Amino acid sequence: QIYLSESGGDSVQAGGSLTLSCKASGKVDARYCVAWFRQEPGKQREAVANILSGSGNTNYADSVKGRFTISRDNARVLDTVFLKMDDLKPEDTGMYFCAAGGVVFCRMDAGPEKYLYWGQGTPVTVSS
């Protein structure tokens, strides 16, 4: 069992930057796939990026490639995963959640149901 807690959400102007953090606690010595999802009201959660906690291999949604960077601060245990977001656009607005699951599902086509552990979310608003 791990527990995830997000922070860093804010309101920014288009073109601005934010860095979100996802702090893990609990059984952090196992290997996980950690993903950032975002959700707009009335819409399904969509994955924007994921990372393997051990190797650090990353994947991104096409809509954020070149603008977002996912990273982790420790390769041996799951501590904090970051999502650095640059050149933000109004369509990036939403609630951002971090989620952790098994490493075999660490693909961008893996839906939210593949992830066992979720944080409470942090809101991002980008105004034009």
Protein backbone atom coordinates (compact mmCIF):
# COMPACT_ATOMS: atom_id res chain seq x y z
CA GLN A 1 0.00 0.00 0.00
CA ILE A 2 1.30 3.44 -0.89
CA TYR A 3 -0.19 6.87 -0.35
CA LEU A 4 0.18 9.71 -2.81
CA SER A 5 -0.22 13.42 -2.21
CA GLU A 6 -0.09 16.04 -4.97
CA SER A 7 0.78 19.71 -4.66
CA GLY A 8 1.78 22.64 -6.83
CA GLY A 9 -1.42 23.39 -8.71
CA ASP A 10 -2.17 27.05 -9.36
CA SER A 11 -3.73 29.56 -11.73
CA VAL A 12 -1.39 30.87 -14.42
CA GLN A 13 -1.48 32.77 -17.69
CA ALA A 14 -1.04 30.97 -20.99
CA GLY A 15 2.65 30.51 -21.75
CA GLY A 16 3.51 30.20 -18.08
CA SER A 17 5.01 27.29 -16.18
CA LEU A 18 4.16 25.16 -13.17
CA THR A 19 5.78 22.21 -11.44
CA LEU A 20 3.55 19.66 -9.77
CA SER A 21 4.81 17.30 -7.07
CA CYS A 22 3.56 13.87 -6.06
CA LYS A 23 4.88 12.72 -2.69
CA ALA A 24 4.71 9.00 -1.92
CA SER A 25 4.66 7.25 1.44
CA GLY A 26 4.07 3.70 2.59
CA LYS A 27 5.63 0.76 0.73
CA VAL A 28 7.96 2.87 -1.37
CA ASP A 29 10.68 0.27 -1.87
CA ALA A 30 8.81 -1.55 -4.64
CA ARG A 31 8.89 -0.67 -8.33
CA TYR A 32 5.93 1.27 -9.72
CA CYS A 33 4.71 2.97 -12.81
CA VAL A 34 3.71 6.47 -11.75
CA ALA A 35 1.51 8.54 -14.01
CA TRP A 36 0.02 11.99 -14.08
CA PHE A 37 -3.59 12.17 -15.23
CA ARG A 38 -5.70 15.23 -15.78
CA GLN A 39 -9.44 15.58 -15.74
CA GLU A 40 -11.73 18.37 -16.82
CA PRO A 41 -15.26 18.57 -15.38
CA GLY A 42 -17.55 16.12 -17.09
CA LYS A 43 -14.74 14.39 -18.93
CA GLN A 44 -12.75 11.22 -18.39
CA ARG A 45 -9.30 11.25 -16.87
CA GLU A 46 -6.56 11.22 -19.47
CA ALA A 47 -2.95 10.26 -18.94
CA VAL A 48 -0.44 12.97 -19.76
CA ALA A 49 2.83 11.29 -18.74
CA ASN A 50 4.22 8.29 -16.90
CA ILE A 51 7.53 7.14 -15.50
CA LEU A 52 8.99 3.89 -14.25
CA SER A 53 10.23 4.50 -10.73
CA GLY A 54 13.33 2.34 -11.12
CA SER A 55 14.66 2.93 -14.64
CA GLY A 56 13.22 6.40 -15.04
CA ASN A 57 11.87 5.57 -18.52
CA THR A 58 9.16 8.04 -19.50
CA ASN A 59 6.21 8.33 -21.86
CA TYR A 60 4.11 11.35 -22.84
CA ALA A 61 0.79 12.10 -24.48
CA ASP A 62 1.20 13.74 -27.87
CA SER A 63 -0.56 16.86 -26.61
CA VAL A 64 2.17 17.58 -24.04
CA LYS A 65 5.34 16.32 -25.73
CA GLY A 66 8.02 18.97 -25.69
CA ARG A 67 6.19 21.00 -23.05
CA PHE A 68 5.87 18.68 -20.03
CA THR A 69 8.63 16.75 -18.27
CA ILE A 70 8.04 13.98 -15.75
CA SER A 71 10.85 13.03 -13.39
CA ARG A 72 11.53 11.36 -10.07
CA ASP A 73 14.05 12.24 -7.42
CA ASN A 74 15.11 8.75 -6.30
CA ALA A 75 15.77 5.64 -8.37
CA ARG A 76 15.94 3.25 -5.41
CA VAL A 77 12.70 4.09 -3.61
CA LEU A 78 9.57 5.91 -4.68
CA ASP A 79 9.80 9.35 -3.06
CA THR A 80 8.61 12.28 -5.17
CA VAL A 81 7.56 12.42 -8.80
CA PHE A 82 7.41 15.78 -10.53
CA LEU A 83 5.59 17.12 -13.54
CA LYS A 84 7.19 20.25 -14.93
CA MET A 85 4.80 22.01 -17.26
CA ASP A 86 6.04 24.72 -19.61
CA ASP A 87 4.30 26.81 -22.27
CA LEU A 88 0.96 26.08 -20.64
CA LYS A 89 -2.19 26.40 -22.74
CA PRO A 90 -5.82 26.91 -21.70
CA GLU A 91 -6.54 23.32 -22.75
CA ASP A 92 -4.13 22.14 -20.03
CA THR A 93 -6.66 23.29 -17.43
CA GLY A 94 -7.97 20.54 -15.16
CA MET A 95 -7.50 18.60 -11.98
CA TYR A 96 -4.19 16.78 -12.03
CA PHE A 97 -3.86 13.46 -10.27
CA CYS A 98 -0.86 11.23 -9.74
CA ALA A 99 -1.38 7.50 -9.72
CA ALA A 100 0.78 4.44 -9.18
CA GLY A 101 0.41 0.93 -10.47
CA GLY A 102 2.25 -2.13 -11.71
CA VAL A 103 5.17 -1.66 -14.06
CA VAL A 104 3.69 -3.93 -16.74
CA PHE A 105 1.02 -1.31 -17.45
CA CYS A 106 3.41 1.58 -17.95
CA ARG A 107 2.07 2.58 -21.37
CA MET A 108 0.15 5.67 -22.43
CA ASP A 109 -2.80 3.52 -23.53
CA ALA A 110 -3.24 2.12 -20.01
CA GLY A 111 -6.45 3.55 -18.60
CA PRO A 112 -7.06 4.81 -15.05
CA GLU A 113 -8.38 1.37 -14.02
CA LYS A 114 -4.84 -0.01 -14.32
CA TYR A 115 -3.60 2.16 -11.48
CA LEU A 116 -4.15 1.02 -7.91
CA TYR A 117 -3.18 4.07 -5.90
CA TRP A 118 -4.32 7.67 -6.38
CA GLY A 119 -3.75 11.04 -4.83
CA GLN A 120 -6.46 13.60 -4.14
CA GLY A 121 -5.55 15.84 -7.06
CA THR A 122 -4.29 19.39 -7.46
CA PRO A 123 -6.03 22.00 -9.67
CA VAL A 124 -4.41 23.77 -12.59
CA THR A 125 -6.10 26.68 -14.34
CA VAL A 126 -4.57 28.29 -17.42
CA SER A 127 -6.16 31.50 -18.63
CA SER A 128 -5.71 33.01 -22.07
